[in-house]
């Protein structure tokens, strides 16, 4: 009886003209078991309310009725709404990812003109099973999307599968105009290729215009002991651009703490640029080394093992 009274009161508030009152009622639904009798009013708010927060909260309330046909239709419409509301729908569908949710997200991804929405839809698959994420990306062709962030995230999702059948796809993206995508393609290939295959593919990217791409190409080649990468690392440590020196410090943090690695980090930890110093100290910590003491003179600022 108490619950019925509360539901009645919420229903009354949902019909109020004041947007904030409707919002308060929608928030109250979060602590009550959802009641089907409120569906018509919630659908109306979801689709037509003049205030975005109300539409978003109505989406959250209607989620309990998924995959009701009316709710699916409303969610499809809301994916065309302003980002605040559309992202709420994506968030709700990401928690389900049943066949109906995936199909709705796929349809909207293919038709969305807004790259931010396509990126948001892809993010819904970051916690999905690897096979589900892979199938979505390949079916939606996210890896060749016009937006570099979408392409990069697509590669990241595909790379999680460790699927050798995707090698040619990753190799093709090595030629991408975006440094973000090239770097992601190298990371993906590093997970599935043998050292010999990487030696065939990656050396050109040791001279890439992007410090990030160079670093990603350098790491697997260094770990495999290829001398070509060692000379490029020395060049990066001494590079005139702080971004390249910072990337060199990152690469060193991925290596075993050999005498040469420690020596390079020692130099970079005393770099004139704070970005480089901080990156070097982060690598020192990652390798379990002893950082130089605070306030030490340059001559005594050596890193200890």
C-alpha atoms as a PDB file:
ATOM      1  CA  UNK A   1       0.000   0.000   0.000  1.00  0.00           C
ATOM      2  CA  UNK A   2       2.828   2.368   0.893  1.00  0.00           C
ATOM      3  CA  UNK A   3       4.548   1.529  -2.374  1.00  0.00           C
ATOM      4  CA  UNK A   4       1.336   2.105  -4.367  1.00  0.00           C
ATOM      5  CA  UNK A   5       0.933   5.509  -2.732  1.00  0.00           C
ATOM      6  CA  UNK A   6       4.538   6.402  -3.565  1.00  0.00           C
ATOM      7  CA  UNK A   7       4.040   5.341  -7.165  1.00  0.00           C
ATOM      8  CA  UNK A   8       0.885   7.415  -7.391  1.00  0.00           C
ATOM      9  CA  UNK A   9       2.725  10.439  -6.020  1.00  0.00           C
ATOM     10  CA  UNK A  10       5.541   9.965  -8.506  1.00  0.00           C
ATOM     11  CA  UNK A  11       3.026   9.684 -11.322  1.00  0.00           C
ATOM     12  CA  UNK A  12       1.498  12.984 -10.238  1.00  0.00           C
ATOM     13  CA  UNK A  13       4.898  14.669 -10.187  1.00  0.00           C
ATOM     14  CA  UNK A  14       5.759  13.314 -13.621  1.00  0.00           C
ATOM     15  CA  UNK A  15       2.762  15.208 -14.970  1.00  0.00           C
ATOM     16  CA  UNK A  16       3.848  18.533 -13.427  1.00  0.00           C
ATOM     17  CA  UNK A  17       4.652  21.484 -15.691  1.00  0.00           C
ATOM     18  CA  UNK A  18       7.831  22.367 -13.789  1.00  0.00           C
ATOM     19  CA  UNK A  19      10.816  20.517 -15.245  1.00  0.00           C
ATOM     20  CA  UNK A  20      12.643  20.294 -11.933  1.00  0.00           C
ATOM     21  CA  UNK A  21       9.653  18.597 -10.303  1.00  0.00           C
ATOM     22  CA  UNK A  22       9.566  15.991 -13.057  1.00  0.00           C
ATOM     23  CA  UNK A  23      13.291  15.471 -12.594  1.00  0.00           C
ATOM     24  CA  UNK A  24      12.850  14.910  -8.850  1.00  0.00           C
ATOM     25  CA  UNK A  25      10.183  12.299  -9.543  1.00  0.00           C
ATOM     26  CA  UNK A  26      12.398  10.517 -12.038  1.00  0.00           C
ATOM     27  CA  UNK A  27      15.186  10.358  -9.482  1.00  0.00           C
ATOM     28  CA  UNK A  28      12.789   8.868  -6.930  1.00  0.00           C
ATOM     29  CA  UNK A  29      12.145   5.971  -9.296  1.00  0.00           C
ATOM     30  CA  UNK A  30      15.702   4.824  -8.685  1.00  0.00           C
ATOM     31  CA  UNK A  31      14.797   3.620  -5.194  1.00  0.00           C
ATOM     32  CA  UNK A  32      11.518   1.957  -6.159  1.00  0.00           C
ATOM     33  CA  UNK A  33      10.818  -1.198  -8.082  1.00  0.00           C
ATOM     34  CA  UNK A  34       9.903  -0.064 -11.570  1.00  0.00           C
ATOM     35  CA  UNK A  35       6.182  -0.276 -12.279  1.00  0.00           C
ATOM     36  CA  UNK A  36       4.885  -0.970 -15.750  1.00  0.00           C
ATOM     37  CA  UNK A  37       1.943   1.367 -15.277  1.00  0.00           C
ATOM     38  CA  UNK A  38       4.324   4.351 -15.481  1.00  0.00           C
ATOM     39  CA  UNK A  39       5.685   3.316 -18.877  1.00  0.00           C
ATOM     40  CA  UNK A  40       3.446   5.583 -21.014  1.00  0.00           C
ATOM     41  CA  UNK A  41       4.404   8.694 -19.063  1.00  0.00           C
ATOM     42  CA  UNK A  42       8.082   7.735 -18.997  1.00  0.00           C
ATOM     43  CA  UNK A  43       8.083   7.198 -22.753  1.00  0.00           C
ATOM     44  CA  UNK A  44       6.524  10.612 -23.241  1.00  0.00           C
ATOM     45  CA  UNK A  45       9.196  12.258 -21.091  1.00  0.00           C
ATOM     46  CA  UNK A  46      11.948  10.249 -22.747  1.00  0.00           C
ATOM     47  CA  UNK A  47      10.924  11.407 -26.207  1.00  0.00           C
ATOM     48  CA  UNK A  48       9.430  14.850 -25.762  1.00  0.00           C
ATOM     49  CA  UNK A  49      10.418  16.477 -22.482  1.00  0.00           C
ATOM     50  CA  UNK A  50      11.877  19.939 -23.029  1.00  0.00           C
ATOM     51  CA  UNK A  51      14.655  19.405 -20.477  1.00  0.00           C
ATOM     52  CA  UNK A  52      17.537  17.087 -21.372  1.00  0.00           C
ATOM     53  CA  UNK A  53      18.196  15.805 -17.818  1.00  0.00           C
ATOM     54  CA  UNK A  54      14.585  14.620 -17.605  1.00  0.00           C
ATOM     55  CA  UNK A  55      14.874  12.745 -20.883  1.00  0.00           C
ATOM     56  CA  UNK A  56      18.095  11.147 -19.688  1.00  0.00           C
ATOM     57  CA  UNK A  57      16.587  10.046 -16.369  1.00  0.00           C
ATOM     58  CA  UNK A  58      13.552   8.646 -18.186  1.00  0.00           C
ATOM     59  CA  UNK A  59      15.930   6.523 -20.269  1.00  0.00           C
ATOM     60  CA  UNK A  60      17.472   5.169 -17.065  1.00  0.00           C
ATOM     61  CA  UNK A  61      14.046   4.362 -15.645  1.00  0.00           C
ATOM     62  CA  UNK A  62      12.892   2.640 -18.835  1.00  0.00           C
ATOM     63  CA  UNK A  63      16.017   0.480 -18.892  1.00  0.00           C
ATOM     64  CA  UNK A  64      14.301  -1.898 -16.481  1.00  0.00           C
ATOM     65  CA  UNK A  65      11.786  -2.723 -19.236  1.00  0.00           C
ATOM     66  CA  UNK A  66      14.362  -3.553 -21.925  1.00  0.00           C
ATOM     67  CA  UNK A  67      13.859  -5.179 -24.465  1.00  0.00           C
ATOM     68  CA  UNK A  68      10.229  -4.032 -24.529  1.00  0.00           C
ATOM     69  CA  UNK A  69       9.360  -3.048 -28.116  1.00  0.00           C
ATOM     70  CA  UNK A  70       8.246   0.475 -27.182  1.00  0.00           C
ATOM     71  CA  UNK A  71      11.406   1.003 -25.158  1.00  0.00           C
ATOM     72  CA  UNK A  72      13.598  -0.173 -28.041  1.00  0.00           C
ATOM     73  CA  UNK A  73      11.855   2.274 -30.355  1.00  0.00           C
ATOM     74  CA  UNK A  74      12.284   5.105 -27.864  1.00  0.00           C
ATOM     75  CA  UNK A  75      15.960   4.314 -27.330  1.00  0.00           C
ATOM     76  CA  UNK A  76      16.542   4.285 -31.088  1.00  0.00           C
ATOM     77  CA  UNK A  77      15.008   7.749 -31.299  1.00  0.00           C
ATOM     78  CA  UNK A  78      17.063   8.997 -28.356  1.00  0.00           C
ATOM     79  CA  UNK A  79      20.272   7.928 -30.068  1.00  0.00           C
ATOM     80  CA  UNK A  80      19.493  10.766 -32.484  1.00  0.00           C
ATOM     81  CA  UNK A  81      19.005  13.234 -29.628  1.00  0.00           C
ATOM     82  CA  UNK A  82      21.486  15.643 -28.082  1.00  0.00           C
ATOM     83  CA  UNK A  83      24.735  14.007 -26.853  1.00  0.00           C
ATOM     84  CA  UNK A  84      23.698  14.100 -23.193  1.00  0.00           C
ATOM     85  CA  UNK A  85      20.693  11.878 -23.882  1.00  0.00           C
ATOM     86  CA  UNK A  86      22.267   9.734 -26.604  1.00  0.00           C
ATOM     87  CA  UNK A  87      25.224   8.877 -24.370  1.00  0.00           C
ATOM     88  CA  UNK A  88      22.847   7.773 -21.626  1.00  0.00           C
ATOM     89  CA  UNK A  89      21.250   5.314 -24.047  1.00  0.00           C
ATOM     90  CA  UNK A  90      24.680   4.015 -25.055  1.00  0.00           C
ATOM     91  CA  UNK A  91      25.613   3.622 -21.386  1.00  0.00           C
ATOM     92  CA  UNK A  92      22.446   1.624 -20.700  1.00  0.00           C
ATOM     93  CA  UNK A  93      22.875  -0.610 -23.748  1.00  0.00           C
ATOM     94  CA  UNK A  94      26.524  -1.224 -22.838  1.00  0.00           C
ATOM     95  CA  UNK A  95      25.347  -2.880 -19.631  1.00  0.00           C
ATOM     96  CA  UNK A  96      23.278  -5.352 -21.639  1.00  0.00           C
ATOM     97  CA  UNK A  97      24.846  -6.031 -25.042  1.00  0.00           C
ATOM     98  CA  UNK A  98      22.278  -8.664 -25.886  1.00  0.00           C
ATOM     99  CA  UNK A  99      21.481  -9.198 -29.556  1.00  0.00           C
ATOM    100  CA  UNK A 100      18.864  -6.419 -29.588  1.00  0.00           C
ATOM    101  CA  UNK A 101      21.216  -3.910 -27.954  1.00  0.00           C
ATOM    102  CA  UNK A 102      24.089  -4.777 -30.301  1.00  0.00           C
ATOM    103  CA  UNK A 103      21.866  -4.467 -33.358  1.00  0.00           C
ATOM    104  CA  UNK A 104      20.593  -1.062 -32.240  1.00  0.00           C
ATOM    105  CA  UNK A 105      24.130   0.185 -31.583  1.00  0.00           C
ATOM    106  CA  UNK A 106      25.309  -1.164 -34.935  1.00  0.00           C
ATOM    107  CA  UNK A 107      22.548   0.591 -36.843  1.00  0.00           C
ATOM    108  CA  UNK A 108      23.264   3.874 -35.113  1.00  0.00           C
ATOM    109  CA  UNK A 109      27.032   3.565 -35.555  1.00  0.00           C
ATOM    110  CA  UNK A 110      26.674   3.119 -39.314  1.00  0.00           C
ATOM    111  CA  UNK A 111      24.314   6.079 -39.676  1.00  0.00           C
ATOM    112  CA  UNK A 112      25.825   8.514 -37.153  1.00  0.00           C
ATOM    113  CA  UNK A 113      27.322  11.671 -38.644  1.00  0.00           C
ATOM    114  CA  UNK A 114      28.735  12.646 -35.264  1.00  0.00           C
ATOM    115  CA  UNK A 115      32.149  11.032 -34.707  1.00  0.00           C
ATOM    116  CA  UNK A 116      31.851  11.546 -30.953  1.00  0.00           C
ATOM    117  CA  UNK A 117      28.741   9.365 -30.905  1.00  0.00           C
ATOM    118  CA  UNK A 118      30.465   6.655 -32.948  1.00  0.00           C
ATOM    119  CA  UNK A 119      33.368   6.759 -30.497  1.00  0.00           C
ATOM    120  CA  UNK A 120      30.956   6.563 -27.555  1.00  0.00           C
ATOM    121  CA  UNK A 121      29.260   3.537 -29.110  1.00  0.00           C
ATOM    122  CA  UNK A 122      32.613   1.791 -29.518  1.00  0.00           C
ATOM    123  CA  UNK A 123      33.422   2.494 -25.878  1.00  0.00           C
ATOM    124  CA  UNK A 124      30.366   0.422 -24.989  1.00  0.00           C
ATOM    125  CA  UNK A 125      32.350  -2.633 -26.097  1.00  0.00           C
ATOM    126  CA  UNK A 126      35.471  -1.977 -24.031  1.00  0.00           C
ATOM    127  CA  UNK A 127      34.260  -4.328 -21.296  1.00  0.00           C
ATOM    128  CA  UNK A 128      32.523  -6.774 -23.624  1.00  0.00           C
ATOM    129  CA  UNK A 129      33.767 -10.257 -24.420  1.00  0.00           C
ATOM    130  CA  UNK A 130      36.572 -10.062 -26.962  1.00  0.00           C
ATOM    131  CA  UNK A 131      34.655 -11.938 -29.643  1.00  0.00           C
ATOM    132  CA  UNK A 132      31.654  -9.614 -29.313  1.00  0.00           C
ATOM    133  CA  UNK A 133      33.835  -6.511 -29.595  1.00  0.00           C
ATOM    134  CA  UNK A 134      35.722  -7.959 -32.583  1.00  0.00           C
ATOM    135  CA  UNK A 135      32.556  -8.847 -34.476  1.00  0.00           C
ATOM    136  CA  UNK A 136      31.058  -5.418 -33.843  1.00  0.00           C
ATOM    137  CA  UNK A 137      34.147  -3.539 -35.046  1.00  0.00           C
ATOM    138  CA  UNK A 138      34.521  -5.660 -38.170  1.00  0.00           C
ATOM    139  CA  UNK A 139      30.829  -5.485 -39.075  1.00  0.00           C
ATOM    140  CA  UNK A 140      30.741  -1.726 -38.461  1.00  0.00           C
ATOM    141  CA  UNK A 141      34.117  -1.245 -40.196  1.00  0.00           C
ATOM    142  CA  UNK A 142      35.309   0.942 -37.367  1.00  0.00           C
ATOM    143  CA  UNK A 143      38.957   0.350 -38.306  1.00  0.00           C
ATOM    144  CA  UNK A 144      38.478   2.389 -41.514  1.00  0.00           C
ATOM    145  CA  UNK A 145      36.245   5.075 -40.019  1.00  0.00           C
ATOM    146  CA  UNK A 146      36.918   8.642 -41.171  1.00  0.00           C
ATOM    147  CA  UNK A 147      37.690   9.706 -37.592  1.00  0.00           C
ATOM    148  CA  UNK A 148      41.144   8.824 -36.253  1.00  0.00           C
ATOM    149  CA  UNK A 149      39.963   8.323 -32.669  1.00  0.00           C
ATOM    150  CA  UNK A 150      37.357   5.827 -33.845  1.00  0.00           C
ATOM    151  CA  UNK A 151      39.940   3.975 -35.942  1.00  0.00           C
ATOM    152  CA  UNK A 152      42.407   3.891 -33.049  1.00  0.00           C
ATOM    153  CA  UNK A 153      39.849   2.560 -30.572  1.00  0.00           C
ATOM    154  CA  UNK A 154      38.725  -0.012 -33.127  1.00  0.00           C
ATOM    155  CA  UNK A 155      42.290  -1.305 -33.421  1.00  0.00           C
ATOM    156  CA  UNK A 156      42.585  -1.446 -29.648  1.00  0.00           C
ATOM    157  CA  UNK A 157      39.429  -3.562 -29.409  1.00  0.00           C
ATOM    158  CA  UNK A 158      40.606  -5.867 -32.183  1.00  0.00           C
ATOM    159  CA  UNK A 159      44.073  -6.223 -30.676  1.00  0.00           C
ATOM    160  CA  UNK A 160      42.632  -7.683 -27.477  1.00  0.00           C
ATOM    161  CA  UNK A 161      41.632 -10.821 -29.367  1.00  0.00           C
ATOM    162  CA  UNK A 162      45.197 -11.788 -30.296  1.00  0.00           C
ATOM    163  CA  UNK A 163      43.710 -13.105 -33.539  1.00  0.00           C
ATOM    164  CA  UNK A 164      46.412 -13.944 -36.112  1.00  0.00           C
ATOM    165  CA  UNK A 165      43.794 -13.670 -38.844  1.00  0.00           C
ATOM    166  CA  UNK A 166      43.763  -9.904 -38.272  1.00  0.00           C
ATOM    167  CA  UNK A 167      47.444  -9.452 -39.135  1.00  0.00           C
ATOM    168  CA  UNK A 168      46.809  -8.084 -42.637  1.00  0.00           C
ATOM    169  CA  UNK A 169      44.280  -5.613 -41.251  1.00  0.00           C
ATOM    170  CA  UNK A 170      46.835  -4.280 -38.755  1.00  0.00           C
ATOM    171  CA  UNK A 171      49.586  -4.139 -41.398  1.00  0.00           C
ATOM    172  CA  UNK A 172      47.321  -2.038 -43.621  1.00  0.00           C
ATOM    173  CA  UNK A 173      46.840   0.462 -40.804  1.00  0.00           C
ATOM    174  CA  UNK A 174      50.613   0.980 -40.527  1.00  0.00           C
ATOM    175  CA  UNK A 175      50.137   3.316 -43.506  1.00  0.00           C
ATOM    176  CA  UNK A 176      47.419   5.331 -41.754  1.00  0.00           C
ATOM    177  CA  UNK A 177      47.728   9.122 -41.839  1.00  0.00           C
ATOM    178  CA  UNK A 178      47.144   9.260 -38.087  1.00  0.00           C
ATOM    179  CA  UNK A 179      50.071   8.694 -35.746  1.00  0.00           C
ATOM    180  CA  UNK A 180      47.578   7.468 -33.149  1.00  0.00           C
ATOM    181  CA  UNK A 181      46.416   4.721 -35.503  1.00  0.00           C
ATOM    182  CA  UNK A 182      49.919   3.782 -36.678  1.00  0.00           C
ATOM    183  CA  UNK A 183      51.012   3.455 -33.055  1.00  0.00           C
ATOM    184  CA  UNK A 184      47.996   1.272 -32.299  1.00  0.00           C
ATOM    185  CA  UNK A 185      48.682  -0.943 -35.302  1.00  0.00           C
ATOM    186  CA  UNK A 186      52.249  -1.503 -34.103  1.00  0.00           C
ATOM    187  CA  UNK A 187      51.028  -2.425 -30.618  1.00  0.00           C
ATOM    188  CA  UNK A 188      48.570  -4.897 -32.116  1.00  0.00           C
ATOM    189  CA  UNK A 189      51.185  -6.503 -34.350  1.00  0.00           C
ATOM    190  CA  UNK A 190      53.593  -6.754 -31.427  1.00  0.00           C
ATOM    191  CA  UNK A 191      51.072  -9.013 -29.701  1.00  0.00           C
ATOM    192  CA  UNK A 192      50.589 -11.482 -32.544  1.00  0.00           C
ATOM    193  CA  UNK A 193      53.772 -11.494 -34.645  1.00  0.00           C
ATOM    194  CA  UNK A 194      57.026 -13.352 -34.142  1.00  0.00           C
ATOM    195  CA  UNK A 195      60.254 -11.355 -33.644  1.00  0.00           C
ATOM    196  CA  UNK A 196      61.269 -12.270 -37.198  1.00  0.00           C
ATOM    197  CA  UNK A 197      58.013 -10.904 -38.601  1.00  0.00           C
ATOM    198  CA  UNK A 198      58.383  -7.720 -36.573  1.00  0.00           C
ATOM    199  CA  UNK A 199      61.906  -7.240 -37.923  1.00  0.00           C
ATOM    200  CA  UNK A 200      60.424  -7.283 -41.431  1.00  0.00           C
ATOM    201  CA  UNK A 201      57.591  -4.884 -40.605  1.00  0.00           C
ATOM    202  CA  UNK A 202      58.750  -2.333 -38.054  1.00  0.00           C
ATOM    203  CA  UNK A 203      62.197  -0.878 -38.936  1.00  0.00           C
ATOM    204  CA  UNK A 204      60.723   1.855 -41.209  1.00  0.00           C
ATOM    205  CA  UNK A 205      58.751   3.139 -38.227  1.00  0.00           C
ATOM    206  CA  UNK A 206      61.889   3.640 -36.147  1.00  0.00           C
ATOM    207  CA  UNK A 207      62.264   6.816 -38.240  1.00  0.00           C
ATOM    208  CA  UNK A 208      58.588   7.829 -38.130  1.00  0.00           C
ATOM    209  CA  UNK A 209      57.806  11.519 -37.710  1.00  0.00           C
ATOM    210  CA  UNK A 210      55.888  10.663 -34.521  1.00  0.00           C
ATOM    211  CA  UNK A 211      57.744  10.035 -31.271  1.00  0.00           C
ATOM    212  CA  UNK A 212      54.910   7.760 -30.152  1.00  0.00           C
ATOM    213  CA  UNK A 213      55.140   5.587 -33.261  1.00  0.00           C
ATOM    214  CA  UNK A 214      58.924   5.351 -32.973  1.00  0.00           C
ATOM    215  CA  UNK A 215      58.659   4.296 -29.345  1.00  0.00           C
ATOM    216  CA  UNK A 216      56.065   1.613 -30.067  1.00  0.00           C
ATOM    217  CA  UNK A 217      58.195   0.194 -32.885  1.00  0.00           C
ATOM    218  CA  UNK A 218      61.315   0.306 -30.746  1.00  0.00           C
ATOM    219  CA  UNK A 219      60.036  -1.640 -27.735  1.00  0.00           C
ATOM    220  CA  UNK A 220      59.414  -5.080 -29.318  1.00  0.00           C
ATOM    221  CA  UNK A 221      62.578  -4.842 -31.431  1.00  0.00           C
ATOM    222  CA  UNK A 222      64.674  -3.976 -28.383  1.00  0.00           C
ATOM    223  CA  UNK A 223      63.155  -6.830 -26.418  1.00  0.00           C
ATOM    224  CA  UNK A 224      64.086  -9.163 -29.265  1.00  0.00           C
ATOM    225  CA  UNK A 225      67.665  -7.874 -29.141  1.00  0.00           C
ATOM    226  CA  UNK A 226      67.836  -6.258 -32.589  1.00  0.00           C
ATOM    227  CA  UNK A 227      70.736  -3.804 -32.768  1.00  0.00           C
ATOM    228  CA  UNK A 228      68.993  -1.505 -35.232  1.00  0.00           C
ATOM    229  CA  UNK A 229      66.623  -0.499 -32.435  1.00  0.00           C
ATOM    230  CA  UNK A 230      69.487   0.073 -29.999  1.00  0.00           C
ATOM    231  CA  UNK A 231      71.056   2.741 -32.213  1.00  0.00           C
ATOM    232  CA  UNK A 232      67.680   4.458 -32.673  1.00  0.00           C
ATOM    233  CA  UNK A 233      67.165   4.478 -28.912  1.00  0.00           C
ATOM    234  CA  UNK A 234      70.478   6.272 -28.425  1.00  0.00           C
ATOM    235  CA  UNK A 235      69.361   8.828 -30.998  1.00  0.00           C
ATOM    236  CA  UNK A 236      66.079   9.387 -29.135  1.00  0.00           C
ATOM    237  CA  UNK A 237      67.828   9.832 -25.796  1.00  0.00           C
ATOM    238  CA  UNK A 238      69.889  12.648 -27.325  1.00  0.00           C
ATOM    239  CA  UNK A 239      67.118  14.118 -29.495  1.00  0.00           C
ATOM    240  CA  UNK A 240      66.728  17.905 -29.556  1.00  0.00           C
ATOM    241  CA  UNK A 241      62.939  17.628 -29.078  1.00  0.00           C
ATOM    242  CA  UNK A 242      61.730  16.998 -25.534  1.00  0.00           C
ATOM    243  CA  UNK A 243      58.846  14.808 -26.781  1.00  0.00           C
ATOM    244  CA  UNK A 244      61.284  12.337 -28.302  1.00  0.00           C
ATOM    245  CA  UNK A 245      63.461  12.295 -25.175  1.00  0.00           C
ATOM    246  CA  UNK A 246      60.340  11.719 -23.073  1.00  0.00           C
ATOM    247  CA  UNK A 247      59.366   8.807 -25.317  1.00  0.00           C
ATOM    248  CA  UNK A 248      62.880   7.425 -24.943  1.00  0.00           C
ATOM    249  CA  UNK A 249      62.397   7.489 -21.171  1.00  0.00           C
ATOM    250  CA  UNK A 250      59.119   5.600 -21.610  1.00  0.00           C
ATOM    251  CA  UNK A 251      60.819   2.964 -23.782  1.00  0.00           C
ATOM    252  CA  UNK A 252      63.555   2.483 -21.186  1.00  0.00           C
ATOM    253  CA  UNK A 253      60.897   1.782 -18.575  1.00  0.00           C
ATOM    254  CA  UNK A 254      59.776  -1.200 -20.656  1.00  0.00           C
ATOM    255  CA  UNK A 255      63.250  -2.749 -20.731  1.00  0.00           C
ATOM    256  CA  UNK A 256      65.216  -4.878 -18.281  1.00  0.00           C
ATOM    257  CA  UNK A 257      67.379  -2.654 -16.021  1.00  0.00           C
ATOM    258  CA  UNK A 258      70.730  -3.292 -17.693  1.00  0.00           C
ATOM    259  CA  UNK A 259      73.731  -1.038 -17.101  1.00  0.00           C
ATOM    260  CA  UNK A 260      73.029   0.768 -20.384  1.00  0.00           C
ATOM    261  CA  UNK A 261      69.342   1.286 -19.542  1.00  0.00           C
ATOM    262  CA  UNK A 262      70.233   2.684 -16.125  1.00  0.00           C
ATOM    263  CA  UNK A 263      72.825   4.980 -17.701  1.00  0.00           C
ATOM    264  CA  UNK A 264      70.295   6.394 -20.175  1.00  0.00           C
ATOM    265  CA  UNK A 265      67.724   6.920 -17.424  1.00  0.00           C
ATOM    266  CA  UNK A 266      70.377   8.620 -15.329  1.00  0.00           C
ATOM    267  CA  UNK A 267      70.903  11.141 -18.128  1.00  0.00           C
ATOM    268  CA  UNK A 268      67.197  11.693 -18.721  1.00  0.00           C
ATOM    269  CA  UNK A 269      66.413  12.062 -15.012  1.00  0.00           C
ATOM    270  CA  UNK A 270      68.712  15.114 -15.070  1.00  0.00           C
ATOM    271  CA  UNK A 271      67.225  16.544 -18.284  1.00  0.00           C
ATOM    272  CA  UNK A 272      66.567  20.287 -18.376  1.00  0.00           C
ATOM    273  CA  UNK A 273      62.947  19.661 -19.384  1.00  0.00           C
ATOM    274  CA  UNK A 274      60.522  18.746 -16.546  1.00  0.00           C
ATOM    275  CA  UNK A 275      58.376  16.556 -18.821  1.00  0.00           C
ATOM    276  CA  UNK A 276      61.403  14.437 -19.666  1.00  0.00           C
ATOM    277  CA  UNK A 277      62.566  14.283 -16.047  1.00  0.00           C
ATOM    278  CA  UNK A 278      59.147  13.197 -14.801  1.00  0.00           C
ATOM    279  CA  UNK A 279      58.844  10.515 -17.477  1.00  0.00           C
ATOM    280  CA  UNK A 280      62.329   9.239 -16.635  1.00  0.00           C
ATOM    281  CA  UNK A 281      61.550   9.112 -12.921  1.00  0.00           C
ATOM    282  CA  UNK A 282      58.329   7.206 -13.672  1.00  0.00           C
ATOM    283  CA  UNK A 283      60.393   4.629 -15.561  1.00  0.00           C
ATOM    284  CA  UNK A 284      62.893   4.488 -12.702  1.00  0.00           C
ATOM    285  CA  UNK A 285      60.035   3.652 -10.344  1.00  0.00           C
ATOM    286  CA  UNK A 286      58.582   1.102 -12.770  1.00  0.00           C
ATOM    287  CA  UNK A 287      61.905  -0.738 -12.904  1.00  0.00           C
ATOM    288  CA  UNK A 288      62.285  -0.718  -9.127  1.00  0.00           C
ATOM    289  CA  UNK A 289      65.407   1.431  -9.223  1.00  0.00           C
ATOM    290  CA  UNK A 290      66.474   3.938  -6.612  1.00  0.00           C
ATOM    291  CA  UNK A 291      65.804   7.495  -7.835  1.00  0.00           C
ATOM    292  CA  UNK A 292      68.356  10.257  -7.382  1.00  0.00           C
ATOM    293  CA  UNK A 293      68.002  12.002  -4.007  1.00  0.00           C
ATOM    294  CA  UNK A 294      66.038  15.239  -3.952  1.00  0.00           C
ATOM    295  CA  UNK A 295      68.285  18.264  -4.129  1.00  0.00           C
ATOM    296  CA  UNK A 296      71.348  16.261  -5.145  1.00  0.00           C
ATOM    297  CA  UNK A 297      74.001  17.939  -7.270  1.00  0.00           C
ATOM    298  CA  UNK A 298      74.278  16.724 -10.878  1.00  0.00           C
ATOM    299  CA  UNK A 299      77.505  14.877 -10.120  1.00  0.00           C
ATOM    300  CA  UNK A 300      75.817  12.825  -7.393  1.00  0.00           C
ATOM    301  CA  UNK A 301      72.454  12.284  -9.097  1.00  0.00           C
ATOM    302  CA  UNK A 302      73.134   8.752 -10.254  1.00  0.00           C
ATOM    303  CA  UNK A 303      70.370   6.176 -10.188  1.00  0.00           C
ATOM    304  CA  UNK A 304      70.935   3.085  -8.086  1.00  0.00           C
ATOM    305  CA  UNK A 305      69.784  -0.477  -8.536  1.00  0.00           C
END
